Amino acid sequence: MQAVQATEAAVSKDSSRGAWLALALLVPVPSIGTAAALWWWPDLPVGKILFVAAKVWILALPLAWLVLVERSRPGWSPPHHGGFGVAIGTGLAIAAVIVGAYALVRKLNLLDATIITERAALTGLNQPAFYIGGALYWILFNSLMEEYVWRWFVFRKAEAAVGGRAAVVVSALGFTAHHVIALAAQFTWPITVLASLGVFIGGVTWSWLYLRYRSIWPCYVSHAIVDTPIFLIGWRLIFHEGTLRALESCSPGVGCV
């Protein structure tokens, strides 16, 4: 019996060590890529190259780890335990909080639609067709990729390292980190802090959903619902409020572009 317990302890230790290594190889990478693109070299090709490389890395590493380290085959994370009702409920609840927070921010004049529109123009998001295409990509596909990376891979590794409940917080913190860097490059600190808190709450919610239902699909449904009002708000800011303010700033007789 003691030999069996010793063997299990050794396996558990090895598993924990491997989990920490996996986390170290993945969690900092999105922050590095985001910082390179938005802070360190925003106007140089190296920034964009590192950003794309980081995206490729965080998508490839979980699959490579599964096959080469865990010696397992890829699957579709089937939702055997359901959870879609809870997913819809949590998604709608967070979406309502986002809409309420937006209304408060606008009432306090903490968000300048003109600045948002100008920054959207830098990436082409001030074009309606491009904005709609980007919104559909982020809502339908990017949210799924994030669940694959941050819940299926990062949460499971954090769970092996620190246990399920602590892993909910650890994975949510990792998920939030690169969002903070991206938000700080585009918004004032009050908005950055508020939005980052929202990202963290989302990360905690989706990690908890994965802990409970062991599938990324309920997490994805909740995530996609939450992303939808964000892009609807963005549309209003860019194509209604931002455009209106730009027109109001034009002097009579002076052409505006």
C-alpha atoms as a PDB file:
ATOM      1  CA  MET A   1       0.000   0.000   0.000  1.00  0.00           C
ATOM      2  CA  GLN A   2       2.778   2.442   0.881  1.00  0.00           C
ATOM      3  CA  ALA A   3       4.488   1.685  -2.428  1.00  0.00           C
ATOM      4  CA  VAL A   4       1.257   2.409  -4.303  1.00  0.00           C
ATOM      5  CA  GLN A   5       0.750   5.673  -2.378  1.00  0.00           C
ATOM      6  CA  ALA A   6       4.343   6.685  -3.051  1.00  0.00           C
ATOM      7  CA  THR A   7       3.888   5.993  -6.760  1.00  0.00           C
ATOM      8  CA  GLU A   8       0.630   8.022  -6.866  1.00  0.00           C
ATOM      9  CA  ALA A   9       2.350  10.888  -5.045  1.00  0.00           C
ATOM     10  CA  ALA A  10       5.205  10.837  -7.546  1.00  0.00           C
ATOM     11  CA  VAL A  11       2.773  10.823 -10.486  1.00  0.00           C
ATOM     12  CA  SER A  12       0.812  13.674  -8.911  1.00  0.00           C
ATOM     13  CA  LYS A  13       4.029  15.646  -8.409  1.00  0.00           C
ATOM     14  CA  ASP A  14       5.115  15.016 -11.987  1.00  0.00           C
ATOM     15  CA  SER A  15       1.657  16.035 -13.210  1.00  0.00           C
ATOM     16  CA  SER A  16       1.799  19.239 -11.194  1.00  0.00           C
ATOM     17  CA  ARG A  17       5.288  20.018 -12.487  1.00  0.00           C
ATOM     18  CA  GLY A  18       4.172  19.461 -16.068  1.00  0.00           C
ATOM     19  CA  ALA A  19       1.076  21.603 -15.502  1.00  0.00           C
ATOM     20  CA  TRP A  20       3.189  24.515 -14.272  1.00  0.00           C
ATOM     21  CA  LEU A  21       5.469  24.158 -17.299  1.00  0.00           C
ATOM     22  CA  ALA A  22       2.475  24.201 -19.646  1.00  0.00           C
ATOM     23  CA  LEU A  23       1.132  27.330 -17.949  1.00  0.00           C
ATOM     24  CA  ALA A  24       4.534  29.035 -18.150  1.00  0.00           C
ATOM     25  CA  LEU A  25       4.764  28.256 -21.862  1.00  0.00           C
ATOM     26  CA  LEU A  26       1.334  29.647 -22.694  1.00  0.00           C
ATOM     27  CA  VAL A  27      -0.050  32.214 -20.254  1.00  0.00           C
ATOM     28  CA  PRO A  28       2.533  35.031 -20.798  1.00  0.00           C
ATOM     29  CA  VAL A  29       2.545  34.709 -24.596  1.00  0.00           C
ATOM     30  CA  PRO A  30      -0.699  36.597 -25.427  1.00  0.00           C
ATOM     31  CA  SER A  31       0.432  39.495 -23.220  1.00  0.00           C
ATOM     32  CA  ILE A  32       3.800  39.624 -24.993  1.00  0.00           C
ATOM     33  CA  GLY A  33       2.166  39.593 -28.417  1.00  0.00           C
ATOM     34  CA  THR A  34      -0.362  42.270 -27.455  1.00  0.00           C
ATOM     35  CA  ALA A  35       2.296  44.492 -25.883  1.00  0.00           C
ATOM     36  CA  ALA A  36       4.517  44.120 -28.953  1.00  0.00           C
ATOM     37  CA  ALA A  37       1.710  45.153 -31.309  1.00  0.00           C
ATOM     38  CA  LEU A  38       0.184  47.970 -29.263  1.00  0.00           C
ATOM     39  CA  TRP A  39       2.969  49.309 -27.022  1.00  0.00           C
ATOM     40  CA  TRP A  40       6.500  48.320 -27.986  1.00  0.00           C
ATOM     41  CA  TRP A  41       6.472  48.410 -31.800  1.00  0.00           C
ATOM     42  CA  PRO A  42       2.999  49.574 -32.890  1.00  0.00           C
ATOM     43  CA  ASP A  43       4.291  51.127 -36.123  1.00  0.00           C
ATOM     44  CA  LEU A  44       6.832  48.457 -37.067  1.00  0.00           C
ATOM     45  CA  PRO A  45       6.326  45.088 -38.764  1.00  0.00           C
ATOM     46  CA  VAL A  46       7.995  43.301 -35.849  1.00  0.00           C
ATOM     47  CA  GLY A  47       5.046  44.218 -33.623  1.00  0.00           C
ATOM     48  CA  LYS A  48       2.526  42.665 -35.994  1.00  0.00           C
ATOM     49  CA  ILE A  49       4.733  39.615 -36.571  1.00  0.00           C
ATOM     50  CA  LEU A  50       5.040  38.935 -32.854  1.00  0.00           C
ATOM     51  CA  PHE A  51       1.294  39.419 -32.385  1.00  0.00           C
ATOM     52  CA  VAL A  52       0.492  36.851 -35.098  1.00  0.00           C
ATOM     53  CA  ALA A  53       3.195  34.497 -33.807  1.00  0.00           C
ATOM     54  CA  ALA A  54       1.675  34.676 -30.329  1.00  0.00           C
ATOM     55  CA  LYS A  55      -1.754  33.801 -31.733  1.00  0.00           C
ATOM     56  CA  VAL A  56      -0.347  30.814 -33.602  1.00  0.00           C
ATOM     57  CA  TRP A  57       1.568  29.673 -30.516  1.00  0.00           C
ATOM     58  CA  ILE A  58      -1.392  29.692 -28.138  1.00  0.00           C
ATOM     59  CA  LEU A  59      -3.516  27.783 -30.651  1.00  0.00           C
ATOM     60  CA  ALA A  60      -0.843  25.216 -31.513  1.00  0.00           C
ATOM     61  CA  LEU A  61       0.629  24.565 -28.072  1.00  0.00           C
ATOM     62  CA  PRO A  62      -2.500  23.000 -26.475  1.00  0.00           C
ATOM     63  CA  LEU A  63      -2.903  20.590 -29.388  1.00  0.00           C
ATOM     64  CA  ALA A  64       0.802  19.725 -29.433  1.00  0.00           C
ATOM     65  CA  TRP A  65       0.774  19.202 -25.660  1.00  0.00           C
ATOM     66  CA  LEU A  66      -2.256  16.925 -25.897  1.00  0.00           C
ATOM     67  CA  VAL A  67      -0.675  14.726 -28.553  1.00  0.00           C
ATOM     68  CA  LEU A  68       2.999  14.771 -27.580  1.00  0.00           C
ATOM     69  CA  VAL A  69       2.896  15.084 -23.782  1.00  0.00           C
ATOM     70  CA  GLU A  70      -0.466  13.694 -22.713  1.00  0.00           C
ATOM     71  CA  ARG A  71      -0.386  11.075 -25.482  1.00  0.00           C
ATOM     72  CA  SER A  72      -4.070  11.611 -26.203  1.00  0.00           C
ATOM     73  CA  ARG A  73      -6.135  12.245 -29.291  1.00  0.00           C
ATOM     74  CA  PRO A  74      -8.029  15.476 -30.020  1.00  0.00           C
ATOM     75  CA  GLY A  75     -11.765  15.495 -29.308  1.00  0.00           C
ATOM     76  CA  TRP A  76     -14.710  17.870 -29.522  1.00  0.00           C
ATOM     77  CA  SER A  77     -15.269  18.368 -25.797  1.00  0.00           C
ATOM     78  CA  PRO A  78     -18.774  16.840 -25.971  1.00  0.00           C
ATOM     79  CA  PRO A  79     -21.264  18.406 -23.540  1.00  0.00           C
ATOM     80  CA  HIS A  80     -22.313  15.177 -21.806  1.00  0.00           C
ATOM     81  CA  HIS A  81     -23.493  17.047 -18.702  1.00  0.00           C
ATOM     82  CA  GLY A  82     -25.470  19.773 -20.466  1.00  0.00           C
ATOM     83  CA  GLY A  83     -25.194  23.225 -18.943  1.00  0.00           C
ATOM     84  CA  PHE A  84     -26.610  25.258 -21.804  1.00  0.00           C
ATOM     85  CA  GLY A  85     -29.464  26.703 -19.739  1.00  0.00           C
ATOM     86  CA  VAL A  86     -26.984  27.962 -17.156  1.00  0.00           C
ATOM     87  CA  ALA A  87     -24.746  29.189 -19.968  1.00  0.00           C
ATOM     88  CA  ILE A  88     -27.534  31.268 -21.499  1.00  0.00           C
ATOM     89  CA  GLY A  89     -28.514  32.611 -18.089  1.00  0.00           C
ATOM     90  CA  THR A  90     -24.974  33.672 -17.178  1.00  0.00           C
ATOM     91  CA  GLY A  91     -24.432  35.161 -20.619  1.00  0.00           C
ATOM     92  CA  LEU A  92     -27.588  37.261 -20.434  1.00  0.00           C
ATOM     93  CA  ALA A  93     -26.781  38.367 -16.865  1.00  0.00           C
ATOM     94  CA  ILE A  94     -23.283  39.559 -17.792  1.00  0.00           C
ATOM     95  CA  ALA A  95     -24.628  41.176 -20.964  1.00  0.00           C
ATOM     96  CA  ALA A  96     -27.140  43.134 -18.866  1.00  0.00           C
ATOM     97  CA  VAL A  97     -24.328  44.302 -16.584  1.00  0.00           C
ATOM     98  CA  ILE A  98     -22.331  45.454 -19.629  1.00  0.00           C
ATOM     99  CA  VAL A  99     -25.257  47.472 -20.956  1.00  0.00           C
ATOM    100  CA  GLY A 100     -25.828  49.000 -17.522  1.00  0.00           C
ATOM    101  CA  ALA A 101     -22.140  49.855 -17.144  1.00  0.00           C
ATOM    102  CA  TYR A 102     -22.144  51.470 -20.581  1.00  0.00           C
ATOM    103  CA  ALA A 103     -25.144  53.613 -19.656  1.00  0.00           C
ATOM    104  CA  LEU A 104     -23.370  54.734 -16.465  1.00  0.00           C
ATOM    105  CA  VAL A 105     -20.134  55.497 -18.295  1.00  0.00           C
ATOM    106  CA  ARG A 106     -21.956  57.578 -20.901  1.00  0.00           C
ATOM    107  CA  LYS A 107     -23.870  59.429 -18.194  1.00  0.00           C
ATOM    108  CA  LEU A 108     -20.596  60.304 -16.462  1.00  0.00           C
ATOM    109  CA  ASN A 109     -19.010  61.345 -19.787  1.00  0.00           C
ATOM    110  CA  LEU A 110     -16.116  58.916 -19.325  1.00  0.00           C
ATOM    111  CA  LEU A 111     -16.159  57.705 -22.932  1.00  0.00           C
ATOM    112  CA  ASP A 112     -15.437  59.897 -25.968  1.00  0.00           C
ATOM    113  CA  ALA A 113     -17.079  58.458 -29.075  1.00  0.00           C
ATOM    114  CA  THR A 114     -14.919  60.608 -31.345  1.00  0.00           C
ATOM    115  CA  ILE A 115     -11.710  59.062 -29.989  1.00  0.00           C
ATOM    116  CA  ILE A 116     -13.180  55.573 -30.344  1.00  0.00           C
ATOM    117  CA  THR A 117     -14.055  56.331 -33.974  1.00  0.00           C
ATOM    118  CA  GLU A 118     -10.580  57.686 -34.711  1.00  0.00           C
ATOM    119  CA  ARG A 119      -8.924  54.579 -33.266  1.00  0.00           C
ATOM    120  CA  ALA A 120     -11.316  52.322 -35.145  1.00  0.00           C
ATOM    121  CA  ALA A 121     -10.229  54.049 -38.361  1.00  0.00           C
ATOM    122  CA  LEU A 122      -6.640  52.919 -37.764  1.00  0.00           C
ATOM    123  CA  THR A 123      -7.670  49.295 -38.254  1.00  0.00           C
ATOM    124  CA  GLY A 124     -10.460  49.843 -40.784  1.00  0.00           C
ATOM    125  CA  LEU A 125     -13.208  49.148 -38.258  1.00  0.00           C
ATOM    126  CA  ASN A 126     -14.854  52.451 -39.171  1.00  0.00           C
ATOM    127  CA  GLN A 127     -16.096  50.756 -42.356  1.00  0.00           C
ATOM    128  CA  PRO A 128     -19.501  49.127 -41.703  1.00  0.00           C
ATOM    129  CA  ALA A 129     -18.878  45.963 -43.733  1.00  0.00           C
ATOM    130  CA  PHE A 130     -15.466  45.413 -42.139  1.00  0.00           C
ATOM    131  CA  TYR A 131     -16.869  46.087 -38.677  1.00  0.00           C
ATOM    132  CA  ILE A 132     -19.706  43.585 -39.161  1.00  0.00           C
ATOM    133  CA  GLY A 133     -17.288  40.978 -40.484  1.00  0.00           C
ATOM    134  CA  GLY A 134     -14.955  41.558 -37.535  1.00  0.00           C
ATOM    135  CA  ALA A 135     -17.817  41.380 -35.051  1.00  0.00           C
ATOM    136  CA  LEU A 136     -19.032  38.074 -36.487  1.00  0.00           C
ATOM    137  CA  TYR A 137     -15.504  36.682 -36.348  1.00  0.00           C
ATOM    138  CA  TRP A 138     -14.963  37.711 -32.709  1.00  0.00           C
ATOM    139  CA  ILE A 139     -18.393  36.596 -31.526  1.00  0.00           C
ATOM    140  CA  LEU A 140     -18.599  33.285 -33.375  1.00  0.00           C
ATOM    141  CA  PHE A 141     -15.004  32.139 -33.820  1.00  0.00           C
ATOM    142  CA  ASN A 142     -12.606  34.051 -31.599  1.00  0.00           C
ATOM    143  CA  SER A 143     -14.707  33.352 -28.521  1.00  0.00           C
ATOM    144  CA  LEU A 144     -14.570  29.627 -29.353  1.00  0.00           C
ATOM    145  CA  MET A 145     -10.790  29.758 -29.745  1.00  0.00           C
ATOM    146  CA  GLU A 146     -10.490  31.528 -26.398  1.00  0.00           C
ATOM    147  CA  GLU A 147     -12.537  28.829 -24.707  1.00  0.00           C
ATOM    148  CA  TYR A 148     -10.319  26.183 -26.275  1.00  0.00           C
ATOM    149  CA  VAL A 149      -7.175  27.949 -24.995  1.00  0.00           C
ATOM    150  CA  TRP A 150      -8.233  29.390 -21.637  1.00  0.00           C
ATOM    151  CA  ARG A 151     -10.779  26.902 -20.378  1.00  0.00           C
ATOM    152  CA  TRP A 152      -9.932  23.568 -22.018  1.00  0.00           C
ATOM    153  CA  PHE A 153      -6.160  23.977 -21.741  1.00  0.00           C
ATOM    154  CA  VAL A 154      -5.211  26.665 -19.218  1.00  0.00           C
ATOM    155  CA  PHE A 155      -7.950  25.829 -16.726  1.00  0.00           C
ATOM    156  CA  ARG A 156      -7.168  22.109 -16.819  1.00  0.00           C
ATOM    157  CA  LYS A 157      -3.477  22.749 -16.259  1.00  0.00           C
ATOM    158  CA  ALA A 158      -4.202  25.204 -13.454  1.00  0.00           C
ATOM    159  CA  GLU A 159      -6.542  22.624 -11.936  1.00  0.00           C
ATOM    160  CA  ALA A 160      -3.747  20.035 -11.962  1.00  0.00           C
ATOM    161  CA  ALA A 161      -1.405  22.556 -10.350  1.00  0.00           C
ATOM    162  CA  VAL A 162      -3.575  24.228  -7.689  1.00  0.00           C
ATOM    163  CA  GLY A 163      -6.950  22.453  -7.621  1.00  0.00           C
ATOM    164  CA  GLY A 164     -10.314  23.207  -9.216  1.00  0.00           C
ATOM    165  CA  ARG A 165     -11.539  26.195  -7.201  1.00  0.00           C
ATOM    166  CA  ALA A 166      -8.226  28.025  -7.254  1.00  0.00           C
ATOM    167  CA  ALA A 167      -7.888  27.228 -10.963  1.00  0.00           C
ATOM    168  CA  VAL A 168     -11.056  29.222 -11.646  1.00  0.00           C
ATOM    169  CA  VAL A 169      -9.296  32.354 -10.397  1.00  0.00           C
ATOM    170  CA  VAL A 170      -5.857  31.524 -11.824  1.00  0.00           C
ATOM    171  CA  SER A 171      -7.151  30.904 -15.337  1.00  0.00           C
ATOM    172  CA  ALA A 172      -9.360  34.007 -15.171  1.00  0.00           C
ATOM    173  CA  LEU A 173      -6.348  36.142 -14.186  1.00  0.00           C
ATOM    174  CA  GLY A 174      -4.343  34.793 -17.109  1.00  0.00           C
ATOM    175  CA  PHE A 175      -7.283  35.421 -19.423  1.00  0.00           C
ATOM    176  CA  THR A 176      -7.580  39.005 -18.174  1.00  0.00           C
ATOM    177  CA  ALA A 177      -3.894  39.969 -18.373  1.00  0.00           C
ATOM    178  CA  HIS A 178      -3.553  40.531 -22.116  1.00  0.00           C
ATOM    179  CA  HIS A 179      -6.962  42.202 -22.260  1.00  0.00           C
ATOM    180  CA  VAL A 180      -5.715  44.788 -19.756  1.00  0.00           C
ATOM    181  CA  ILE A 181      -2.749  45.558 -22.015  1.00  0.00           C
ATOM    182  CA  ALA A 182      -4.996  45.921 -25.059  1.00  0.00           C
ATOM    183  CA  LEU A 183      -7.575  48.053 -23.245  1.00  0.00           C
ATOM    184  CA  ALA A 184      -4.960  50.366 -21.742  1.00  0.00           C
ATOM    185  CA  ALA A 185      -3.663  51.129 -25.242  1.00  0.00           C
ATOM    186  CA  GLN A 186      -7.068  52.368 -26.366  1.00  0.00           C
ATOM    187  CA  PHE A 187      -8.944  53.749 -23.361  1.00  0.00           C
ATOM    188  CA  THR A 188      -8.476  55.883 -20.274  1.00  0.00           C
ATOM    189  CA  TRP A 189      -7.612  54.136 -17.020  1.00  0.00           C
ATOM    190  CA  PRO A 190     -11.138  54.341 -15.539  1.00  0.00           C
ATOM    191  CA  ILE A 191     -12.533  52.557 -18.607  1.00  0.00           C
ATOM    192  CA  THR A 192      -9.613  50.123 -18.651  1.00  0.00           C
ATOM    193  CA  VAL A 193     -10.152  49.168 -15.014  1.00  0.00           C
ATOM    194  CA  LEU A 194     -13.905  48.800 -15.433  1.00  0.00           C
ATOM    195  CA  ALA A 195     -13.617  46.766 -18.625  1.00  0.00           C
ATOM    196  CA  SER A 196     -10.842  44.591 -17.164  1.00  0.00           C
ATOM    197  CA  LEU A 197     -13.038  43.815 -14.186  1.00  0.00           C
ATOM    198  CA  GLY A 198     -15.720  42.732 -16.632  1.00  0.00           C
ATOM    199  CA  VAL A 199     -13.246  40.492 -18.471  1.00  0.00           C
ATOM    200  CA  PHE A 200     -12.188  38.922 -15.177  1.00  0.00           C
ATOM    201  CA  ILE A 201     -15.799  38.251 -14.188  1.00  0.00           C
ATOM    202  CA  GLY A 202     -16.352  36.624 -17.571  1.00  0.00           C
ATOM    203  CA  GLY A 203     -13.217  34.520 -17.125  1.00  0.00           C
ATOM    204  CA  VAL A 204     -14.333  33.362 -13.684  1.00  0.00           C
ATOM    205  CA  THR A 205     -17.816  32.538 -14.978  1.00  0.00           C
ATOM    206  CA  TRP A 206     -16.602  30.496 -17.945  1.00  0.00           C
ATOM    207  CA  SER A 207     -13.946  28.688 -15.900  1.00  0.00           C
ATOM    208  CA  TRP A 208     -16.636  27.790 -13.375  1.00  0.00           C
ATOM    209  CA  LEU A 209     -18.855  26.526 -16.192  1.00  0.00           C
ATOM    210  CA  TYR A 210     -16.016  24.324 -17.416  1.00  0.00           C
ATOM    211  CA  LEU A 211     -15.338  23.065 -13.895  1.00  0.00           C
ATOM    212  CA  ARG A 212     -18.982  22.120 -13.509  1.00  0.00           C
ATOM    213  CA  TYR A 213     -19.853  20.758 -16.961  1.00  0.00           C
ATOM    214  CA  ARG A 214     -16.468  19.677 -18.388  1.00  0.00           C
ATOM    215  CA  SER A 215     -17.122  20.994 -21.871  1.00  0.00           C
ATOM    216  CA  ILE A 216     -16.149  24.191 -23.651  1.00  0.00           C
ATOM    217  CA  TRP A 217     -19.517  24.444 -25.413  1.00  0.00           C
ATOM    218  CA  PRO A 218     -21.572  25.917 -22.541  1.00  0.00           C
ATOM    219  CA  CYS A 219     -18.664  28.313 -21.930  1.00  0.00           C
ATOM    220  CA  TYR A 220     -18.709  29.274 -25.605  1.00  0.00           C
ATOM    221  CA  VAL A 221     -22.453  29.931 -25.635  1.00  0.00           C
ATOM    222  CA  SER A 222     -22.171  32.217 -22.605  1.00  0.00           C
ATOM    223  CA  HIS A 223     -19.080  33.932 -24.052  1.00  0.00           C
ATOM    224  CA  ALA A 224     -20.720  34.589 -27.430  1.00  0.00           C
ATOM    225  CA  ILE A 225     -23.796  36.074 -25.759  1.00  0.00           C
ATOM    226  CA  VAL A 226     -21.576  38.401 -23.711  1.00  0.00           C
ATOM    227  CA  ASP A 227     -19.568  39.546 -26.758  1.00  0.00           C
ATOM    228  CA  THR A 228     -22.713  40.512 -28.682  1.00  0.00           C
ATOM    229  CA  PRO A 229     -23.682  43.679 -26.727  1.00  0.00           C
ATOM    230  CA  ILE A 230     -20.029  44.760 -26.724  1.00  0.00           C
ATOM    231  CA  PHE A 231     -20.040  44.976 -30.511  1.00  0.00           C
ATOM    232  CA  LEU A 232     -23.505  46.523 -30.589  1.00  0.00           C
ATOM    233  CA  ILE A 233     -22.226  49.239 -28.261  1.00  0.00           C
ATOM    234  CA  GLY A 234     -19.160  49.633 -30.470  1.00  0.00           C
ATOM    235  CA  TRP A 235     -21.422  50.080 -33.501  1.00  0.00           C
ATOM    236  CA  ARG A 236     -23.392  52.793 -31.731  1.00  0.00           C
ATOM    237  CA  LEU A 237     -20.241  54.606 -30.641  1.00  0.00           C
ATOM    238  CA  ILE A 238     -18.540  54.487 -34.040  1.00  0.00           C
ATOM    239  CA  PHE A 239     -21.363  54.812 -36.533  1.00  0.00           C
ATOM    240  CA  HIS A 240     -23.844  56.957 -34.626  1.00  0.00           C
ATOM    241  CA  GLU A 241     -22.333  58.997 -31.833  1.00  0.00           C
ATOM    242  CA  GLY A 242     -18.840  59.263 -33.331  1.00  0.00           C
ATOM    243  CA  THR A 243     -20.125  60.244 -36.774  1.00  0.00           C
ATOM    244  CA  LEU A 244     -22.554  62.754 -35.280  1.00  0.00           C
ATOM    245  CA  ARG A 245     -19.830  64.451 -33.254  1.00  0.00           C
ATOM    246  CA  ALA A 246     -17.531  64.568 -36.271  1.00  0.00           C
ATOM    247  CA  LEU A 247     -20.254  66.299 -38.289  1.00  0.00           C
ATOM    248  CA  GLU A 248     -20.972  68.733 -35.466  1.00  0.00           C
ATOM    249  CA  SER A 249     -17.278  69.669 -35.312  1.00  0.00           C
ATOM    250  CA  CYS A 250     -17.238  70.721 -38.980  1.00  0.00           C
ATOM    251  CA  SER A 251     -17.379  74.477 -39.529  1.00  0.00           C
ATOM    252  CA  PRO A 252     -19.969  75.863 -41.968  1.00  0.00           C
ATOM    253  CA  GLY A 253     -18.603  75.980 -45.483  1.00  0.00           C
ATOM    254  CA  VAL A 254     -15.678  73.699 -44.642  1.00  0.00           C
ATOM    255  CA  GLY A 255     -15.579  70.248 -46.173  1.00  0.00           C
ATOM    256  CA  CYS A 256     -15.355  67.306 -43.819  1.00  0.00           C
ATOM    257  CA  VAL A 257     -13.831  63.946 -44.555  1.00  0.00           C
END
